[in-house]
Amino acid sequence: MTLVFNKETSMGELVVEYVISSVTKGVKVVEMTLAGKYHRFNWMGKQGQLELMDDLENHYRDVSLETEYLESQAELHYGI
């Protein structure tokens, strides 16, 4: 399953599709667009790459926590 991260930048909206690797347990970028145009991770400067990876890891953590919360609420509601 892939996740999508959106971020507004000075150059336009950055949309990143990413996954968590089953092998390395790290973030892997699948596809990126910047201002609606194809973009690649390796076209970014090192600082930008580090910041994006931090953003993606934080996004994944937030999505995971939200999913856990919703599942626990469903279990309470339905008595699972």
PDB file of N, CA and C in Angstrom:
ATOM      1  N   MET A   1       0.837  -1.172   0.000  1.00  0.00           N
ATOM      2  CA  MET A   1       0.000   0.000   0.000  1.00  0.00           C
ATOM      3  C   MET A   1       0.887   1.243   0.000  1.00  0.00           C
ATOM      4  N   THR A   2       0.575   2.189  -0.845  1.00  0.00           N
ATOM      5  CA  THR A   2       1.324   3.439  -0.881  1.00  0.00           C
ATOM      6  C   THR A   2       0.556   4.517  -0.144  1.00  0.00           C
ATOM      7  N   LEU A   3       1.294   5.509   0.315  1.00  0.00           N
ATOM      8  CA  LEU A   3       0.721   6.668   0.975  1.00  0.00           C
ATOM      9  C   LEU A   3       1.066   7.902   0.159  1.00  0.00           C
ATOM     10  N   VAL A   4       0.268   8.952   0.298  1.00  0.00           N
ATOM     11  CA  VAL A   4       0.503  10.189  -0.440  1.00  0.00           C
ATOM     12  C   VAL A   4       0.695  11.331   0.549  1.00  0.00           C
ATOM     13  N   PHE A   5       1.766  12.091   0.337  1.00  0.00           N
ATOM     14  CA  PHE A   5       2.110  13.239   1.162  1.00  0.00           C
ATOM     15  C   PHE A   5       2.064  14.479   0.281  1.00  0.00           C
ATOM     16  N   ASN A   6       1.388  15.520   0.744  1.00  0.00           N
ATOM     17  CA  ASN A   6       1.292  16.793   0.012  1.00  0.00           C
ATOM     18  C   ASN A   6       1.920  17.894   0.846  1.00  0.00           C
ATOM     19  N   LYS A   7       2.624  18.789   0.169  1.00  0.00           N
ATOM     20  CA  LYS A   7       3.244  19.919   0.869  1.00  0.00           C
ATOM     21  C   LYS A   7       3.339  21.102  -0.090  1.00  0.00           C
ATOM     22  N   GLU A   8       2.951  22.263   0.406  1.00  0.00           N
ATOM     23  CA  GLU A   8       3.106  23.489  -0.378  1.00  0.00           C
ATOM     24  C   GLU A   8       4.538  23.996  -0.218  1.00  0.00           C
ATOM     25  N   THR A   9       5.180  24.310  -1.336  1.00  0.00           N
ATOM     26  CA  THR A   9       6.530  24.867  -1.320  1.00  0.00           C
ATOM     27  C   THR A   9       6.519  26.177  -2.100  1.00  0.00           C
ATOM     28  N   SER A  10       7.630  26.866  -2.060  1.00  0.00           N
ATOM     29  CA  SER A  10       7.735  28.122  -2.805  1.00  0.00           C
ATOM     30  C   SER A  10       7.688  27.885  -4.317  1.00  0.00           C
ATOM     31  N   MET A  11       7.955  26.639  -4.744  1.00  0.00           N
ATOM     32  CA  MET A  11       7.953  26.304  -6.168  1.00  0.00           C
ATOM     33  C   MET A  11       6.637  25.672  -6.615  1.00  0.00           C
ATOM     34  N   GLY A  12       5.698  25.487  -5.693  1.00  0.00           N
ATOM     35  CA  GLY A  12       4.419  24.861  -6.023  1.00  0.00           C
ATOM     36  C   GLY A  12       4.148  23.693  -5.095  1.00  0.00           C
ATOM     37  N   GLU A  13       3.059  22.983  -5.357  1.00  0.00           N
ATOM     38  CA  GLU A  13       2.684  21.856  -4.508  1.00  0.00           C
ATOM     39  C   GLU A  13       3.545  20.641  -4.823  1.00  0.00           C
ATOM     40  N   LEU A  14       4.116  20.062  -3.778  1.00  0.00           N
ATOM     41  CA  LEU A  14       4.890  18.833  -3.877  1.00  0.00           C
ATOM     42  C   LEU A  14       3.979  17.685  -3.472  1.00  0.00           C
ATOM     43  N   VAL A  15       3.837  16.700  -4.353  1.00  0.00           N
ATOM     44  CA  VAL A  15       3.037  15.508  -4.070  1.00  0.00           C
ATOM     45  C   VAL A  15       3.978  14.318  -4.166  1.00  0.00           C
ATOM     46  N   VAL A  16       4.046  13.552  -3.068  1.00  0.00           N
ATOM     47  CA  VAL A  16       4.966  12.410  -3.008  1.00  0.00           C
ATOM     48  C   VAL A  16       4.180  11.151  -2.678  1.00  0.00           C
ATOM     49  N   GLU A  17       4.305  10.148  -3.520  1.00  0.00           N
ATOM     50  CA  GLU A  17       3.759   8.821  -3.236  1.00  0.00           C
ATOM     51  C   GLU A  17       4.918   7.997  -2.689  1.00  0.00           C
ATOM     52  N   TYR A  18       4.694   7.341  -1.540  1.00  0.00           N
ATOM     53  CA  TYR A  18       5.783   6.599  -0.920  1.00  0.00           C
ATOM     54  C   TYR A  18       5.281   5.334  -0.233  1.00  0.00           C
ATOM     55  N   VAL A  19       6.220   4.460   0.107  1.00  0.00           N
ATOM     56  CA  VAL A  19       5.922   3.227   0.825  1.00  0.00           C
ATOM     57  C   VAL A  19       6.963   3.048   1.923  1.00  0.00           C
ATOM     58  N   ILE A  20       6.675   2.123   2.833  1.00  0.00           N
ATOM     59  CA  ILE A  20       7.657   1.687   3.816  1.00  0.00           C
ATOM     60  C   ILE A  20       8.160   0.324   3.340  1.00  0.00           C
ATOM     61  N   SER A  21       9.472   0.212   3.153  1.00  0.00           N
ATOM     62  CA  SER A  21      10.067  -1.012   2.643  1.00  0.00           C
ATOM     63  C   SER A  21       9.930  -2.152   3.646  1.00  0.00           C
ATOM     64  N   SER A  22       9.536  -3.312   3.168  1.00  0.00           N
ATOM     65  CA  SER A  22       9.463  -4.504   4.016  1.00  0.00           C
ATOM     66  C   SER A  22      10.856  -5.027   4.351  1.00  0.00           C
ATOM     67  N   VAL A  23      11.833  -4.710   3.523  1.00  0.00           N
ATOM     68  CA  VAL A  23      13.195  -5.198   3.718  1.00  0.00           C
ATOM     69  C   VAL A  23      13.973  -4.285   4.656  1.00  0.00           C
ATOM     70  N   THR A  24      14.012  -2.995   4.340  1.00  0.00           N
ATOM     71  CA  THR A  24      14.836  -2.062   5.115  1.00  0.00           C
ATOM     72  C   THR A  24      14.061  -1.348   6.217  1.00  0.00           C
ATOM     73  N   LYS A  25      12.732  -1.447   6.170  1.00  0.00           N
ATOM     74  CA  LYS A  25      11.848  -0.731   7.100  1.00  0.00           C
ATOM     75  C   LYS A  25      12.000   0.782   6.982  1.00  0.00           C
ATOM     76  N   GLY A  26      12.537   1.243   5.861  1.00  0.00           N
ATOM     77  CA  GLY A  26      12.710   2.669   5.612  1.00  0.00           C
ATOM     78  C   GLY A  26      11.742   3.177   4.565  1.00  0.00           C
ATOM     79  N   VAL A  27      11.698   4.502   4.440  1.00  0.00           N
ATOM     80  CA  VAL A  27      10.828   5.156   3.462  1.00  0.00           C
ATOM     81  C   VAL A  27      11.432   5.029   2.069  1.00  0.00           C
ATOM     82  N   LYS A  28      10.593   4.685   1.094  1.00  0.00           N
ATOM     83  CA  LYS A  28      10.991   4.626  -0.317  1.00  0.00           C
ATOM     84  C   LYS A  28      10.029   5.497  -1.113  1.00  0.00           C
ATOM     85  N   VAL A  29      10.576   6.447  -1.852  1.00  0.00           N
ATOM     86  CA  VAL A  29       9.753   7.317  -2.696  1.00  0.00           C
ATOM     87  C   VAL A  29       9.420   6.564  -3.976  1.00  0.00           C
ATOM     88  N   VAL A  30       8.123   6.495  -4.299  1.00  0.00           N
ATOM     89  CA  VAL A  30       7.661   5.816  -5.503  1.00  0.00           C
ATOM     90  C   VAL A  30       7.588   6.800  -6.663  1.00  0.00           C
ATOM     91  N   GLU A  31       6.960   7.950  -6.416  1.00  0.00           N
ATOM     92  CA  GLU A  31       6.774   8.950  -7.468  1.00  0.00           C
ATOM     93  C   GLU A  31       6.597  10.314  -6.834  1.00  0.00           C
ATOM     94  N   MET A  32       7.029  11.345  -7.548  1.00  0.00           N
ATOM     95  CA  MET A  32       6.904  12.718  -7.055  1.00  0.00           C
ATOM     96  C   MET A  32       6.482  13.638  -8.187  1.00  0.00           C
ATOM     97  N   THR A  33       5.702  14.658  -7.822  1.00  0.00           N
ATOM     98  CA  THR A  33       5.439  15.754  -8.753  1.00  0.00           C
ATOM     99  C   THR A  33       5.634  17.057  -7.991  1.00  0.00           C
ATOM    100  N   LEU A  34       6.102  18.057  -8.688  1.00  0.00           N
ATOM    101  CA  LEU A  34       6.267  19.398  -8.137  1.00  0.00           C
ATOM    102  C   LEU A  34       5.585  20.351  -9.096  1.00  0.00           C
ATOM    103  N   ALA A  35       4.602  21.069  -8.601  1.00  0.00           N
ATOM    104  CA  ALA A  35       3.796  21.989  -9.414  1.00  0.00           C
ATOM    105  C   ALA A  35       3.178  21.251 -10.605  1.00  0.00           C
ATOM    106  N   GLY A  36       2.770  19.987 -10.361  1.00  0.00           N
ATOM    107  CA  GLY A  36       2.110  19.205 -11.391  1.00  0.00           C
ATOM    108  C   GLY A  36       3.025  18.576 -12.426  1.00  0.00           C
ATOM    109  N   LYS A  37       4.341  18.734 -12.264  1.00  0.00           N
ATOM    110  CA  LYS A  37       5.301  18.177 -13.218  1.00  0.00           C
ATOM    111  C   LYS A  37       6.136  17.098 -12.551  1.00  0.00           C
ATOM    112  N   TYR A  38       6.502  16.098 -13.334  1.00  0.00           N
ATOM    113  CA  TYR A  38       7.324  14.994 -12.845  1.00  0.00           C
ATOM    114  C   TYR A  38       8.572  15.529 -12.151  1.00  0.00           C
ATOM    115  N   HIS A  39       8.908  14.926 -11.015  1.00  0.00           N
ATOM    116  CA  HIS A  39      10.081  15.345 -10.256  1.00  0.00           C
ATOM    117  C   HIS A  39      10.735  14.108  -9.659  1.00  0.00           C
ATOM    118  N   ARG A  40      12.041  14.185  -9.417  1.00  0.00           N
ATOM    119  CA  ARG A  40      12.760  13.060  -8.833  1.00  0.00           C
ATOM    120  C   ARG A  40      13.433  13.469  -7.541  1.00  0.00           C
ATOM    121  N   PHE A  41      13.510  12.512  -6.630  1.00  0.00           N
ATOM    122  CA  PHE A  41      14.136  12.735  -5.334  1.00  0.00           C
ATOM    123  C   PHE A  41      15.597  13.166  -5.492  1.00  0.00           C
ATOM    124  N   ASN A  42      16.317  12.520  -6.409  1.00  0.00           N
ATOM    125  CA  ASN A  42      17.751  12.832  -6.558  1.00  0.00           C
ATOM    126  C   ASN A  42      18.005  14.166  -7.252  1.00  0.00           C
ATOM    127  N   TRP A  43      16.973  14.839  -7.719  1.00  0.00           N
ATOM    128  CA  TRP A  43      17.136  16.194  -8.268  1.00  0.00           C
ATOM    129  C   TRP A  43      17.170  17.233  -7.150  1.00  0.00           C
ATOM    130  N   MET A  44      16.831  16.812  -5.942  1.00  0.00           N
ATOM    131  CA  MET A  44      16.797  17.728  -4.805  1.00  0.00           C
ATOM    132  C   MET A  44      18.194  17.828  -4.181  1.00  0.00           C
ATOM    133  N   GLY A  45      18.451  18.957  -3.525  1.00  0.00           N
ATOM    134  CA  GLY A  45      19.687  19.103  -2.775  1.00  0.00           C
ATOM    135  C   GLY A  45      19.663  18.196  -1.555  1.00  0.00           C
ATOM    136  N   LYS A  46      20.840  17.944  -0.971  1.00  0.00           N
ATOM    137  CA  LYS A  46      20.936  17.038   0.178  1.00  0.00           C
ATOM    138  C   LYS A  46      20.067  17.492   1.346  1.00  0.00           C
ATOM    139  N   GLN A  47      20.067  18.796   1.641  1.00  0.00           N
ATOM    140  CA  GLN A  47      19.250  19.307   2.747  1.00  0.00           C
ATOM    141  C   GLN A  47      17.762  19.091   2.472  1.00  0.00           C
ATOM    142  N   GLY A  48      17.354  19.338   1.245  1.00  0.00           N
ATOM    143  CA  GLY A  48      15.962  19.107   0.863  1.00  0.00           C
ATOM    144  C   GLY A  48      15.578  17.643   0.969  1.00  0.00           C
ATOM    145  N   GLN A  49      16.501  16.755   0.581  1.00  0.00           N
ATOM    146  CA  GLN A  49      16.244  15.320   0.692  1.00  0.00           C
ATOM    147  C   GLN A  49      16.046  14.916   2.155  1.00  0.00           C
ATOM    148  N   LEU A  50      16.925  15.415   3.029  1.00  0.00           N
ATOM    149  CA  LEU A  50      16.817  15.082   4.456  1.00  0.00           C
ATOM    150  C   LEU A  50      15.504  15.594   5.046  1.00  0.00           C
ATOM    151  N   GLU A  51      15.138  16.823   4.694  1.00  0.00           N
ATOM    152  CA  GLU A  51      13.890  17.392   5.207  1.00  0.00           C
ATOM    153  C   GLU A  51      12.680  16.621   4.698  1.00  0.00           C
ATOM    154  N   LEU A  52      12.710  16.227   3.423  1.00  0.00           N
ATOM    155  CA  LEU A  52      11.590  15.468   2.868  1.00  0.00           C
ATOM    156  C   LEU A  52      11.476  14.113   3.559  1.00  0.00           C
ATOM    157  N   MET A  53      12.591  13.421   3.783  1.00  0.00           N
ATOM    158  CA  MET A  53      12.543  12.129   4.454  1.00  0.00           C
ATOM    159  C   MET A  53      11.981  12.282   5.875  1.00  0.00           C
ATOM    160  N   ASP A  54      12.374  13.340   6.574  1.00  0.00           N
ATOM    161  CA  ASP A  54      11.808  13.608   7.906  1.00  0.00           C
ATOM    162  C   ASP A  54      10.305  13.836   7.806  1.00  0.00           C
ATOM    163  N   ASP A  55       9.881  14.628   6.826  1.00  0.00           N
ATOM    164  CA  ASP A  55       8.451  14.894   6.632  1.00  0.00           C
ATOM    165  C   ASP A  55       7.681  13.594   6.360  1.00  0.00           C
ATOM    166  N   LEU A  56       8.254  12.731   5.517  1.00  0.00           N
ATOM    167  CA  LEU A  56       7.584  11.480   5.166  1.00  0.00           C
ATOM    168  C   LEU A  56       7.506  10.542   6.368  1.00  0.00           C
ATOM    169  N   GLU A  57       8.592  10.462   7.144  1.00  0.00           N
ATOM    170  CA  GLU A  57       8.575   9.614   8.339  1.00  0.00           C
ATOM    171  C   GLU A  57       7.548  10.114   9.352  1.00  0.00           C
ATOM    172  N   ASN A  58       7.471  11.436   9.529  1.00  0.00           N
ATOM    173  CA  ASN A  58       6.479  12.014  10.440  1.00  0.00           C
ATOM    174  C   ASN A  58       5.057  11.777   9.934  1.00  0.00           C
ATOM    175  N   HIS A  59       4.868  11.920   8.625  1.00  0.00           N
ATOM    176  CA  HIS A  59       3.553  11.681   8.022  1.00  0.00           C
ATOM    177  C   HIS A  59       3.136  10.231   8.246  1.00  0.00           C
ATOM    178  N   TYR A  60       4.057   9.299   8.012  1.00  0.00           N
ATOM    179  CA  TYR A  60       3.750   7.876   8.198  1.00  0.00           C
ATOM    180  C   TYR A  60       3.378   7.595   9.657  1.00  0.00           C
ATOM    181  N   ARG A  61       4.135   8.168  10.594  1.00  0.00           N
ATOM    182  CA  ARG A  61       3.851   7.977  12.015  1.00  0.00           C
ATOM    183  C   ARG A  61       2.452   8.508  12.345  1.00  0.00           C
ATOM    184  N   ASP A  62       2.130   9.697  11.854  1.00  0.00           N
ATOM    185  CA  ASP A  62       0.817  10.293  12.120  1.00  0.00           C
ATOM    186  C   ASP A  62      -0.312   9.442  11.541  1.00  0.00           C
ATOM    187  N   VAL A  63      -0.135   8.960  10.326  1.00  0.00           N
ATOM    188  CA  VAL A  63      -1.154   8.115   9.687  1.00  0.00           C
ATOM    189  C   VAL A  63      -1.306   6.810  10.465  1.00  0.00           C
ATOM    190  N   SER A  64      -0.197   6.228  10.902  1.00  0.00           N
ATOM    191  CA  SER A  64      -0.246   4.971  11.662  1.00  0.00           C
ATOM    192  C   SER A  64      -0.970   5.158  12.984  1.00  0.00           C
ATOM    193  N   LEU A  65      -0.668   6.251  13.676  1.00  0.00           N
ATOM    194  CA  LEU A  65      -1.329   6.519  14.954  1.00  0.00           C
ATOM    195  C   LEU A  65      -2.829   6.747  14.764  1.00  0.00           C
ATOM    196  N   GLU A  66      -3.187   7.464  13.714  1.00  0.00           N
ATOM    197  CA  GLU A  66      -4.605   7.709  13.436  1.00  0.00           C
ATOM    198  C   GLU A  66      -5.320   6.396  13.127  1.00  0.00           C
ATOM    199  N   THR A  67      -4.670   5.525  12.362  1.00  0.00           N
ATOM    200  CA  THR A  67      -5.257   4.235  12.022  1.00  0.00           C
ATOM    201  C   THR A  67      -5.456   3.383  13.272  1.00  0.00           C
ATOM    202  N   GLU A  68      -4.439   3.362  14.153  1.00  0.00           N
ATOM    203  CA  GLU A  68      -4.564   2.599  15.392  1.00  0.00           C
ATOM    204  C   GLU A  68      -5.723   3.117  16.237  1.00  0.00           C
ATOM    205  N   TYR A  69      -5.844   4.425  16.321  1.00  0.00           N
ATOM    206  CA  TYR A  69      -6.926   5.032  17.100  1.00  0.00           C
ATOM    207  C   TYR A  69      -8.289   4.643  16.525  1.00  0.00           C
ATOM    208  N   LEU A  70      -8.430   4.756  15.210  1.00  0.00           N
ATOM    209  CA  LEU A  70      -9.713   4.430  14.585  1.00  0.00           C
ATOM    210  C   LEU A  70     -10.060   2.954  14.757  1.00  0.00           C
ATOM    211  N   GLU A  71      -9.054   2.088  14.660  1.00  0.00           N
ATOM    212  CA  GLU A  71      -9.302   0.663  14.863  1.00  0.00           C
ATOM    213  C   GLU A  71      -9.746   0.383  16.298  1.00  0.00           C
ATOM    214  N   SER A  72      -9.118   1.052  17.267  1.00  0.00           N
ATOM    215  CA  SER A  72      -9.496   0.836  18.663  1.00  0.00           C
ATOM    216  C   SER A  72     -10.922   1.326  18.906  1.00  0.00           C
ATOM    217  N   GLN A  73     -11.308   2.449  18.272  1.00  0.00           N
ATOM    218  CA  GLN A  73     -12.670   2.954  18.429  1.00  0.00           C
ATOM    219  C   GLN A  73     -13.674   1.991  17.803  1.00  0.00           C
ATOM    220  N   ALA A  74     -13.334   1.393  16.679  1.00  0.00           N
ATOM    221  CA  ALA A  74     -14.221   0.420  16.033  1.00  0.00           C
ATOM    222  C   ALA A  74     -14.362  -0.820  16.910  1.00  0.00           C
ATOM    223  N   GLU A  75     -13.262  -1.239  17.537  1.00  0.00           N
ATOM    224  CA  GLU A  75     -13.328  -2.401  18.415  1.00  0.00           C
ATOM    225  C   GLU A  75     -14.239  -2.109  19.610  1.00  0.00           C
ATOM    226  N   LEU A  76     -14.144  -0.920  20.182  1.00  0.00           N
ATOM    227  CA  LEU A  76     -15.010  -0.555  21.306  1.00  0.00           C
ATOM    228  C   LEU A  76     -16.469  -0.508  20.872  1.00  0.00           C
ATOM    229  N   HIS A  77     -16.715   0.109  19.733  1.00  0.00           N
ATOM    230  CA  HIS A  77     -18.082   0.288  19.250  1.00  0.00           C
ATOM    231  C   HIS A  77     -18.746  -1.041  18.897  1.00  0.00           C
ATOM    232  N   TYR A  78     -17.989  -1.896  18.204  1.00  0.00           N
ATOM    233  CA  TYR A  78     -18.567  -3.153  17.730  1.00  0.00           C
ATOM    234  C   TYR A  78     -18.275  -4.324  18.651  1.00  0.00           C
ATOM    235  N   GLY A  79     -17.544  -4.081  19.758  1.00  0.00           N
ATOM    236  CA  GLY A  79     -17.261  -5.156  20.712  1.00  0.00           C
ATOM    237  C   GLY A  79     -16.391  -6.243  20.155  1.00  0.00           C
ATOM    238  N   ILE A  80     -15.458  -5.868  19.320  1.00  0.00           N
ATOM    239  CA  ILE A  80     -14.569  -6.852  18.687  1.00  0.00           C
ATOM    240  C   ILE A  80     -13.468  -7.252  19.651  1.00  0.00           C
TER     241      ILE A  80
END
